[in-house]
N, C-alpha and C. Protein backbone atom coordinates (compact mmCIF):
# COMPACT_ATOMS: atom_id res chain seq x y z
N MET A 1 111.17 107.16 97.35
CA MET A 1 112.20 106.07 97.02
C MET A 1 112.79 106.03 95.52
N GLY A 2 114.13 106.37 95.33
CA GLY A 2 114.45 106.47 94.04
C GLY A 2 115.56 105.26 93.67
N GLY A 3 116.09 105.57 92.73
CA GLY A 3 117.02 104.54 92.13
C GLY A 3 117.97 105.21 91.15
N GLY A 4 118.96 104.71 90.95
CA GLY A 4 119.93 104.98 89.87
C GLY A 4 120.65 103.58 89.12
N LEU A 5 121.09 104.20 87.93
CA LEU A 5 121.86 102.80 87.14
C LEU A 5 123.12 103.28 86.61
N VAL A 6 123.99 102.27 86.90
CA VAL A 6 125.34 102.44 86.72
C VAL A 6 125.88 101.48 85.72
N ALA A 7 126.23 101.85 84.58
CA ALA A 7 126.61 100.79 83.53
C ALA A 7 128.12 101.36 83.09
N ASP A 8 128.80 100.29 83.10
CA ASP A 8 130.16 100.46 82.58
C ASP A 8 131.17 101.73 83.59
N GLY A 9 130.67 101.82 84.73
CA GLY A 9 131.21 102.73 85.57
C GLY A 9 130.42 104.15 85.66
N ARG A 10 129.56 104.25 85.02
CA ARG A 10 129.04 105.48 84.85
C ARG A 10 127.46 105.56 84.87
N VAL A 11 127.13 106.60 85.41
CA VAL A 11 125.44 106.99 85.85
C VAL A 11 125.05 107.04 84.29
N TRP A 12 123.74 106.15 84.05
CA TRP A 12 123.05 106.31 83.10
C TRP A 12 121.69 107.12 83.55
N HIS A 13 121.41 108.00 82.87
CA HIS A 13 120.34 109.08 83.28
C HIS A 13 118.97 108.59 82.41
N GLY A 14 119.06 107.96 81.09
CA GLY A 14 118.01 107.57 80.54
C GLY A 14 117.56 108.97 79.53
N ALA A 15 116.84 108.83 78.53
CA ALA A 15 116.53 109.95 77.80
C ALA A 15 115.89 111.10 78.30
N ASP A 16 114.81 110.92 79.61
CA ASP A 16 114.58 112.14 80.27
C ASP A 16 115.12 112.41 81.64
N GLY A 17 116.41 111.78 82.14
CA GLY A 17 116.82 111.77 83.21
C GLY A 17 116.34 110.93 84.14
N MET A 18 115.18 110.23 83.93
CA MET A 18 114.48 109.42 84.64
C MET A 18 114.79 108.03 85.05
N ALA A 19 115.96 107.58 84.38
CA ALA A 19 116.18 106.00 84.48
C ALA A 19 116.44 105.58 85.99
N GLY A 20 116.12 104.40 86.28
CA GLY A 20 116.33 103.95 87.30
C GLY A 20 115.12 104.27 88.72
N GLU A 21 114.10 104.89 88.24
CA GLU A 21 113.17 105.49 89.10
C GLU A 21 112.02 104.25 89.36
N ILE A 22 112.61 103.34 90.20
CA ILE A 22 111.90 102.39 90.50
C ILE A 22 110.73 102.38 91.58
N GLY A 23 110.88 103.72 92.12
CA GLY A 23 109.73 103.95 93.20
C GLY A 23 108.29 103.98 92.76
N HIS A 24 108.11 104.32 91.58
CA HIS A 24 106.87 104.72 90.92
C HIS A 24 106.60 103.37 89.92
N MET A 25 107.10 102.09 90.20
CA MET A 25 106.86 101.04 89.39
C MET A 25 105.47 100.52 89.88
N GLN A 26 104.50 100.31 89.23
CA GLN A 26 103.61 99.67 90.18
C GLN A 26 103.95 98.21 90.11
N VAL A 27 103.65 97.72 91.30
CA VAL A 27 103.59 96.38 92.02
C VAL A 27 102.48 95.82 92.22
N ASP A 28 101.42 96.53 92.45
CA ASP A 28 100.12 96.07 93.08
C ASP A 28 99.01 97.11 92.73
N PRO A 29 98.45 97.05 91.72
CA PRO A 29 97.43 97.70 90.91
C PRO A 29 96.28 98.07 91.96
N ALA A 30 95.97 97.08 92.90
CA ALA A 30 94.70 97.28 93.79
C ALA A 30 95.17 97.98 95.09
N GLY A 31 96.46 98.22 95.15
CA GLY A 31 97.35 98.83 96.36
C GLY A 31 96.83 100.18 96.44
N PRO A 32 97.27 100.60 97.66
CA PRO A 32 96.81 102.21 98.05
C PRO A 32 97.45 103.23 96.92
N LEU A 33 96.56 104.46 97.20
CA LEU A 33 97.12 105.58 95.98
C LEU A 33 98.34 106.44 96.42
N CYS A 34 99.20 106.43 95.54
CA CYS A 34 100.65 107.25 95.62
C CYS A 34 100.17 108.66 95.20
N LEU A 35 101.24 109.43 95.45
CA LEU A 35 101.28 110.68 95.59
C LEU A 35 101.25 111.10 93.98
N CYS A 36 101.95 110.16 93.16
CA CYS A 36 101.86 110.09 91.78
C CYS A 36 100.86 109.96 91.06
N GLY A 37 99.70 109.60 91.85
CA GLY A 37 98.31 109.45 91.29
C GLY A 37 98.13 107.82 90.77
N LYS A 38 99.03 106.89 90.66
CA LYS A 38 98.80 105.37 90.54
C LYS A 38 98.51 104.71 92.03
N HIS A 39 98.23 103.47 91.83
CA HIS A 39 97.90 103.03 92.90
C HIS A 39 99.22 101.79 92.96
N GLY A 40 99.67 101.38 94.01
CA GLY A 40 100.39 100.29 94.33
C GLY A 40 101.77 100.40 93.80
N CYS A 41 102.27 101.72 94.02
CA CYS A 41 103.83 102.02 93.46
C CYS A 41 104.46 101.18 94.67
N VAL A 42 105.83 100.99 94.23
CA VAL A 42 106.81 100.46 95.13
C VAL A 42 107.06 101.43 96.40
N GLU A 43 106.99 102.71 95.96
CA GLU A 43 107.30 103.60 97.05
C GLU A 43 105.99 103.85 98.06
N ARG A 44 104.95 103.85 97.60
CA ARG A 44 103.78 103.77 98.59
C ARG A 44 103.87 102.65 99.32
N LEU A 45 104.16 101.56 98.95
CA LEU A 45 104.04 100.25 99.74
C LEU A 45 105.38 100.23 100.40
N ALA A 46 106.58 100.58 100.14
CA ALA A 46 107.93 99.90 100.81
C ALA A 46 108.71 101.34 101.43
N SER A 47 108.37 102.47 101.20
CA SER A 47 109.10 103.44 102.05
C SER A 47 108.72 103.58 103.51
N GLY A 48 109.62 104.07 104.15
CA GLY A 48 109.62 104.10 105.75
C GLY A 48 108.38 105.11 105.94
N PRO A 49 108.35 106.30 105.11
CA PRO A 49 107.58 107.31 105.94
C PRO A 49 105.82 107.01 105.51
N TYR A 50 105.80 105.99 104.18
CA TYR A 50 104.49 105.49 103.97
C TYR A 50 104.20 104.63 104.94
N MET A 51 105.28 103.46 105.23
CA MET A 51 104.81 102.63 106.29
C MET A 51 104.39 103.05 107.65
N ALA A 52 105.24 104.20 108.08
CA ALA A 52 104.58 104.90 109.09
C ALA A 52 103.20 105.49 109.12
N ALA A 53 102.95 106.10 107.94
CA ALA A 53 101.68 106.61 107.76
C ALA A 53 100.47 105.70 107.87
N ASP A 54 100.86 104.35 107.23
CA ASP A 54 99.83 103.46 107.67
C ASP A 54 99.83 102.81 108.75
N ALA A 55 100.87 102.65 109.32
CA ALA A 55 100.88 102.09 111.03
C ALA A 55 100.14 103.13 111.71
N ARG A 56 100.09 104.33 111.64
CA ARG A 56 99.49 105.55 112.16
C ARG A 56 97.85 105.18 112.18
N ALA A 57 97.46 104.78 111.32
CA ALA A 57 95.94 104.51 110.56
C ALA A 57 95.29 103.09 111.20
N GLN A 58 96.44 102.36 111.10
CA GLN A 58 95.96 100.84 111.65
C GLN A 58 96.45 100.68 112.91
N MET A 59 97.17 101.35 113.83
CA MET A 59 97.66 101.01 115.49
C MET A 59 96.22 100.91 116.12
N THR A 60 96.50 99.85 117.05
CA THR A 60 95.56 99.50 118.23
C THR A 60 95.91 99.91 119.35
N ALA A 61 95.26 100.58 120.52
CA ALA A 61 95.74 100.69 121.81
C ALA A 61 96.24 99.40 122.25
N GLY A 62 97.29 99.16 123.20
CA GLY A 62 98.01 98.18 123.81
C GLY A 62 98.88 97.33 123.01
N SER A 63 99.10 97.90 121.65
CA SER A 63 100.05 97.00 120.86
C SER A 63 101.25 97.58 121.20
N ALA A 64 102.39 96.57 120.38
CA ALA A 64 103.75 97.16 120.56
C ALA A 64 103.98 98.56 120.00
N LEU A 65 103.28 98.53 118.60
CA LEU A 65 103.27 99.94 118.10
C LEU A 65 103.13 101.11 119.11
N TRP A 66 101.78 100.71 119.75
CA TRP A 66 101.18 101.72 120.85
C TRP A 66 102.25 102.15 121.84
N GLU A 67 102.92 100.77 122.36
CA GLU A 67 103.61 101.22 123.49
C GLU A 67 104.84 101.87 123.11
N LEU A 68 105.38 101.59 121.97
CA LEU A 68 106.82 102.08 121.59
C LEU A 68 106.53 103.58 121.30
N CYS A 69 105.45 103.80 120.73
CA CYS A 69 105.17 105.74 120.50
C CYS A 69 104.41 106.23 121.62
N ALA A 70 104.33 105.75 122.56
CA ALA A 70 103.50 106.07 124.07
C ALA A 70 102.54 106.62 123.63
N GLY A 71 101.55 105.93 122.89
CA GLY A 71 100.23 106.27 122.42
C GLY A 71 100.12 107.35 121.59
N ASP A 72 101.22 108.23 121.17
CA ASP A 72 101.33 109.23 120.20
C ASP A 72 101.81 108.93 118.82
N ALA A 73 100.51 108.94 117.93
CA ALA A 73 100.86 108.28 116.51
C ALA A 73 101.63 109.04 115.88
N ALA A 74 101.89 110.39 115.90
CA ALA A 74 102.92 111.05 115.29
C ALA A 74 104.24 110.98 115.45
N GLN A 75 104.50 109.96 116.62
CA GLN A 75 105.88 109.83 116.68
C GLN A 75 106.47 108.39 116.24
N ILE A 76 105.56 107.89 115.26
CA ILE A 76 105.61 106.58 114.50
C ILE A 76 106.45 107.00 112.95
N THR A 77 107.52 106.42 113.08
CA THR A 77 108.74 106.09 111.97
C THR A 77 108.49 104.99 111.33
N GLY A 78 109.29 104.82 110.24
CA GLY A 78 109.45 103.55 109.71
C GLY A 78 110.31 102.70 110.41
N GLN A 79 111.36 103.14 111.29
CA GLN A 79 112.27 102.56 112.33
C GLN A 79 111.43 102.12 113.37
N LEU A 80 110.35 103.01 113.83
CA LEU A 80 109.46 102.21 114.81
C LEU A 80 108.92 101.01 114.56
N VAL A 81 108.06 101.21 113.21
CA VAL A 81 107.49 100.04 112.74
C VAL A 81 108.36 98.67 112.57
N ALA A 82 109.64 99.01 112.53
CA ALA A 82 110.45 97.76 112.28
C ALA A 82 110.59 97.42 113.54
N ALA A 83 110.89 98.26 114.75
CA ALA A 83 110.84 97.86 116.02
C ALA A 83 109.98 96.94 116.57
N ALA A 84 108.79 97.82 116.22
CA ALA A 84 107.35 96.85 116.53
C ALA A 84 107.23 95.45 115.92
N ALA A 85 107.93 95.45 114.39
CA ALA A 85 107.53 93.98 114.07
C ALA A 85 108.50 93.04 114.51
N ASN A 86 109.81 93.87 115.07
CA ASN A 86 110.42 92.81 115.82
C ASN A 86 110.00 92.15 117.04
N ARG A 87 109.14 93.04 117.67
CA ARG A 87 108.14 92.64 118.84
C ARG A 87 107.06 91.71 118.53
N GLY A 88 106.79 91.34 117.42
CA GLY A 88 105.76 90.87 116.96
C GLY A 88 104.33 91.55 116.66
N ASP A 89 104.37 92.56 116.65
CA ASP A 89 103.08 93.58 116.37
C ASP A 89 102.77 93.01 115.11
N GLU A 90 101.62 92.79 114.90
CA GLU A 90 100.76 92.17 113.81
C GLU A 90 100.73 93.08 112.61
N VAL A 91 100.25 94.21 112.95
CA VAL A 91 100.22 95.41 112.00
C VAL A 91 101.81 95.71 111.19
N ALA A 92 102.51 95.91 112.35
CA ALA A 92 103.96 96.23 112.01
C ALA A 92 104.69 95.30 111.20
N MET A 93 104.34 93.72 111.39
CA MET A 93 104.82 92.63 110.62
C MET A 93 104.30 92.90 109.57
N ARG A 94 103.02 92.75 109.25
CA ARG A 94 102.46 92.95 107.80
C ARG A 94 103.09 94.37 107.00
N LEU A 95 103.16 95.36 107.40
CA LEU A 95 103.52 96.29 106.67
C LEU A 95 105.08 96.09 106.35
N ILE A 96 105.63 95.29 107.06
CA ILE A 96 107.47 95.23 106.87
C ILE A 96 107.32 94.18 105.65
N GLU A 97 106.36 93.22 105.90
CA GLU A 97 106.54 92.09 104.89
C GLU A 97 105.79 92.56 103.53
N ARG A 98 104.91 93.60 103.62
CA ARG A 98 104.27 94.53 102.52
C ARG A 98 105.50 95.20 101.59
N SER A 99 106.24 95.82 102.57
CA SER A 99 107.34 96.73 102.15
C SER A 99 108.36 95.80 101.29
N ALA A 100 108.95 94.86 102.21
CA ALA A 100 109.87 93.97 101.43
C ALA A 100 109.40 93.30 100.02
N THR A 101 107.93 92.87 100.07
CA THR A 101 107.50 92.22 98.96
C THR A 101 107.28 93.28 97.67
N ALA A 102 106.94 94.35 97.98
CA ALA A 102 106.79 95.50 96.85
C ALA A 102 108.18 95.95 96.40
N LEU A 103 109.32 96.00 97.23
CA LEU A 103 110.66 96.24 96.59
C LEU A 103 110.90 94.98 95.80
N GLY A 104 110.83 93.77 96.50
CA GLY A 104 111.36 92.70 95.98
C GLY A 104 110.80 92.38 94.51
N ARG A 105 109.31 92.68 94.45
CA ARG A 105 109.07 92.78 93.15
C ARG A 105 109.42 93.90 92.08
N GLY A 106 109.77 94.98 92.67
CA GLY A 106 110.15 95.97 91.84
C GLY A 106 111.58 95.62 91.25
N ILE A 107 112.43 95.05 92.22
CA ILE A 107 113.58 94.29 91.74
C ILE A 107 113.73 93.33 90.85
N GLY A 108 112.60 92.59 90.89
CA GLY A 108 112.68 91.28 90.07
C GLY A 108 112.13 91.82 88.67
N ASN A 109 111.25 92.84 88.66
CA ASN A 109 111.10 93.47 87.25
C ASN A 109 112.12 94.02 86.73
N THR A 110 112.96 94.85 87.40
CA THR A 110 113.93 95.45 87.08
C THR A 110 115.01 94.48 86.31
N ALA A 111 115.10 93.46 87.17
CA ALA A 111 116.07 92.37 86.90
C ALA A 111 115.77 91.82 85.46
N ASN A 112 114.57 91.37 85.35
CA ASN A 112 114.06 90.90 84.00
C ASN A 112 114.09 91.88 82.95
N ILE A 113 114.16 93.27 82.97
CA ILE A 113 114.25 94.21 82.00
C ILE A 113 115.78 94.45 81.55
N LEU A 114 116.73 94.59 82.88
CA LEU A 114 118.07 95.23 82.59
C LEU A 114 119.18 94.28 82.86
N ASN A 115 118.97 93.27 83.57
CA ASN A 115 119.75 92.10 83.96
C ASN A 115 121.00 92.71 84.62
N PRO A 116 120.83 93.41 85.49
CA PRO A 116 122.05 94.28 85.85
C PRO A 116 122.91 92.99 86.91
N GLN A 117 124.14 93.33 87.06
CA GLN A 117 124.91 92.50 88.08
C GLN A 117 124.46 92.43 89.46
N ARG A 118 124.24 93.58 89.69
CA ARG A 118 123.95 93.83 91.37
C ARG A 118 122.70 95.02 91.63
N PHE A 119 122.13 94.53 92.53
CA PHE A 119 121.30 95.70 93.25
C PHE A 119 121.77 96.04 94.51
N VAL A 120 121.87 97.21 94.61
CA VAL A 120 122.31 98.01 96.01
C VAL A 120 121.35 98.51 96.81
N VAL A 121 120.64 98.19 97.96
CA VAL A 121 119.54 98.65 98.54
C VAL A 121 120.08 99.42 99.79
N GLY A 122 119.56 100.66 100.21
CA GLY A 122 119.94 101.21 101.03
C GLY A 122 118.64 102.14 101.72
N GLY A 123 118.67 102.88 102.58
CA GLY A 123 117.62 103.61 103.43
C GLY A 123 117.24 103.00 104.62
N GLY A 124 116.67 103.71 105.49
CA GLY A 124 116.38 103.48 106.58
C GLY A 124 115.12 102.14 106.73
N VAL A 125 114.68 101.57 105.81
CA VAL A 125 114.13 100.35 105.77
C VAL A 125 114.86 99.10 105.60
N THR A 126 115.93 99.41 104.95
CA THR A 126 116.90 98.32 105.10
C THR A 126 117.22 97.79 106.38
N LYS A 127 116.81 98.54 107.60
CA LYS A 127 117.25 98.39 109.04
C LYS A 127 116.36 97.33 109.52
N ALA A 128 115.32 97.09 108.68
CA ALA A 128 114.14 96.33 109.33
C ALA A 128 114.50 94.93 110.07
N GLY A 129 115.75 94.44 109.48
CA GLY A 129 115.89 93.14 110.22
C GLY A 129 115.80 92.06 109.01
N SER A 130 116.34 90.68 109.63
CA SER A 130 116.58 89.88 108.69
C SER A 130 115.07 89.44 108.34
N ARG A 131 114.34 89.38 108.58
CA ARG A 131 112.94 89.13 107.98
C ARG A 131 112.58 89.79 106.74
N TRP A 132 112.86 91.09 106.87
CA TRP A 132 112.77 92.24 105.59
C TRP A 132 113.54 91.41 104.60
N TRP A 133 114.93 91.33 105.00
CA TRP A 133 115.67 90.95 103.69
C TRP A 133 115.21 89.49 103.13
N GLN A 134 114.79 88.58 104.08
CA GLN A 134 114.40 87.51 103.36
C GLN A 134 113.05 87.27 102.37
N VAL A 135 112.21 88.37 102.90
CA VAL A 135 111.22 88.58 101.99
C VAL A 135 111.52 89.37 100.93
N LEU A 136 112.26 90.19 100.98
CA LEU A 136 113.01 90.99 99.88
C LEU A 136 113.29 89.93 98.77
N GLN A 137 114.27 89.30 99.22
CA GLN A 137 115.02 88.10 98.34
C GLN A 137 113.95 87.27 97.50
N ALA A 138 113.36 86.82 98.47
CA ALA A 138 112.08 85.89 98.02
C ALA A 138 111.20 86.61 96.97
N ALA A 139 110.84 87.63 97.06
CA ALA A 139 109.88 88.15 96.08
C ALA A 139 110.74 88.56 94.83
N ALA A 140 111.88 89.20 95.05
CA ALA A 140 112.87 89.49 93.70
C ALA A 140 113.06 88.33 93.36
N ARG A 141 113.35 87.00 93.75
CA ARG A 141 113.58 85.75 93.08
C ARG A 141 112.36 85.20 92.61
N ALA A 142 111.14 85.52 93.01
CA ALA A 142 109.79 84.66 92.34
C ALA A 142 109.43 85.60 91.20
N THR A 143 109.87 86.99 91.28
CA THR A 143 109.52 87.79 90.16
C THR A 143 110.35 87.78 88.93
N ALA A 144 111.59 87.54 89.18
CA ALA A 144 112.50 87.47 88.16
C ALA A 144 112.44 86.27 87.34
N LEU A 145 112.76 86.18 85.88
CA LEU A 145 112.92 84.82 85.29
C LEU A 145 113.77 84.01 86.00
N PRO A 146 113.73 82.54 85.91
CA PRO A 146 114.39 81.76 86.52
C PRO A 146 115.85 82.02 86.11
N GLU A 147 116.02 82.09 84.89
CA GLU A 147 117.52 82.45 84.10
C GLU A 147 118.09 83.66 84.50
N ILE A 148 117.77 84.42 85.25
CA ILE A 148 118.47 85.79 85.91
C ILE A 148 118.82 85.53 87.20
N THR A 149 120.11 85.95 87.58
CA THR A 149 120.90 86.06 88.95
C THR A 149 120.32 87.46 89.26
N VAL A 150 119.65 87.28 90.69
CA VAL A 150 119.14 88.67 91.25
C VAL A 150 120.05 88.61 92.69
N ASP A 151 121.17 89.47 92.40
CA ASP A 151 122.31 89.63 93.58
C ASP A 151 121.57 90.81 94.31
N ILE A 152 121.29 90.98 95.46
CA ILE A 152 120.85 92.06 96.15
C ILE A 152 121.74 92.26 97.28
N ALA A 153 122.24 93.68 97.46
CA ALA A 153 123.25 93.67 98.60
C ALA A 153 123.03 95.28 99.54
N PRO A 154 123.12 95.20 100.69
CA PRO A 154 123.00 96.19 101.21
C PRO A 154 123.92 97.35 101.06
N ALA A 155 123.40 98.62 100.89
CA ALA A 155 124.45 99.64 100.55
C ALA A 155 125.37 99.95 101.63
N GLN A 156 126.73 100.11 101.32
CA GLN A 156 127.48 100.31 102.41
C GLN A 156 127.36 101.76 103.10
N LEU A 157 126.93 102.78 102.49
CA LEU A 157 126.84 104.10 102.93
C LEU A 157 125.51 104.44 103.73
N ILE A 158 124.46 103.20 103.51
CA ILE A 158 123.20 103.34 104.12
C ILE A 158 122.32 104.73 103.89
N ASP A 159 122.54 105.35 105.08
CA ASP A 159 121.64 106.90 104.79
C ASP A 159 122.29 107.82 103.89
N ASP A 160 123.54 107.87 104.05
CA ASP A 160 124.45 108.68 103.03
C ASP A 160 124.43 108.44 101.65
N ALA A 161 124.00 107.32 101.12
CA ALA A 161 124.05 107.13 99.85
C ALA A 161 123.54 107.94 99.09
N PRO A 162 122.28 108.69 99.15
CA PRO A 162 121.92 109.95 98.33
C PRO A 162 122.72 110.93 98.27
N LEU A 163 123.33 111.33 99.45
CA LEU A 163 124.23 112.50 99.28
C LEU A 163 125.39 112.45 98.40
N TRP A 164 126.10 111.06 98.81
CA TRP A 164 127.40 110.87 97.83
C TRP A 164 127.05 110.76 96.39
N GLY A 165 125.86 110.30 95.95
CA GLY A 165 125.73 109.88 94.77
C GLY A 165 125.30 111.44 94.18
N ALA A 166 124.75 112.34 94.91
CA ALA A 166 124.74 113.76 94.23
C ALA A 166 126.14 114.27 94.16
N VAL A 167 127.10 114.10 95.25
CA VAL A 167 128.25 114.56 95.21
C VAL A 167 129.12 114.06 93.77
N ALA A 168 128.78 112.64 93.46
CA ALA A 168 129.42 112.18 92.30
C ALA A 168 128.67 112.79 91.24
N LEU A 169 127.58 113.03 91.08
CA LEU A 169 127.05 113.51 89.67
C LEU A 169 127.49 115.01 89.70
N ALA A 170 127.54 115.69 90.99
CA ALA A 170 128.08 117.15 90.66
C ALA A 170 129.46 117.07 90.23
N ARG A 171 130.25 116.25 90.87
CA ARG A 171 131.78 116.22 90.40
C ARG A 171 131.90 115.75 88.79
N ALA A 172 131.09 114.98 88.37
CA ALA A 172 131.01 114.50 86.95
C ALA A 172 130.56 115.60 86.21
N ALA A 173 129.58 116.65 86.38
CA ALA A 173 129.22 117.58 85.68
C ALA A 173 130.29 118.49 85.59
N VAL A 174 130.99 118.91 86.75
CA VAL A 174 132.13 119.78 86.83
C VAL A 174 133.43 119.51 85.89
N THR A 175 133.53 118.03 86.04
CA THR A 175 134.84 117.60 85.48
C THR A 175 134.75 117.30 83.80
N SER A 176 133.18 117.37 83.54
CA SER A 176 132.90 117.06 81.96
C SER A 176 132.96 118.45 81.15
N ASN A 177 133.01 119.32 81.82
CA ASN A 177 132.90 120.60 81.34
C ASN A 177 134.04 121.40 81.19
């Protein structure tokens, strides 16, 4: 899970090229261990692949998750977790809420620091349904200072956003030389 910052129509990279790296913002110090070595990072709690891994570990026979993957835990994806949550699966619902809460807290903290005009959110987890969006908005609002506007919009490019972002960066590099 990554992020990017655009200011005055230009990508802002930061001193080390890592500006916007919301994925490794710690939002739950008691949370699960992330690959970066920290506990409770936004990425570890909110991304589809990690939700799927946690669902595999927590799934029980006979649940909606079990039925959707036909008992084969290797088939579980973030989208399958969302589908199971929409069917009322308790494990899936808990993981979807945790995902939205973690990302919402990350957005709220970022809003407090940078006060951007808008957050654009994309990726597979954004297809989790209206409940995910409601929890995301509520967590961001609860974390941000009351004076800060937190405008969160779904990415128009959804799954292709990283690709088009890379194209734009490459184009900018070529045209600046």
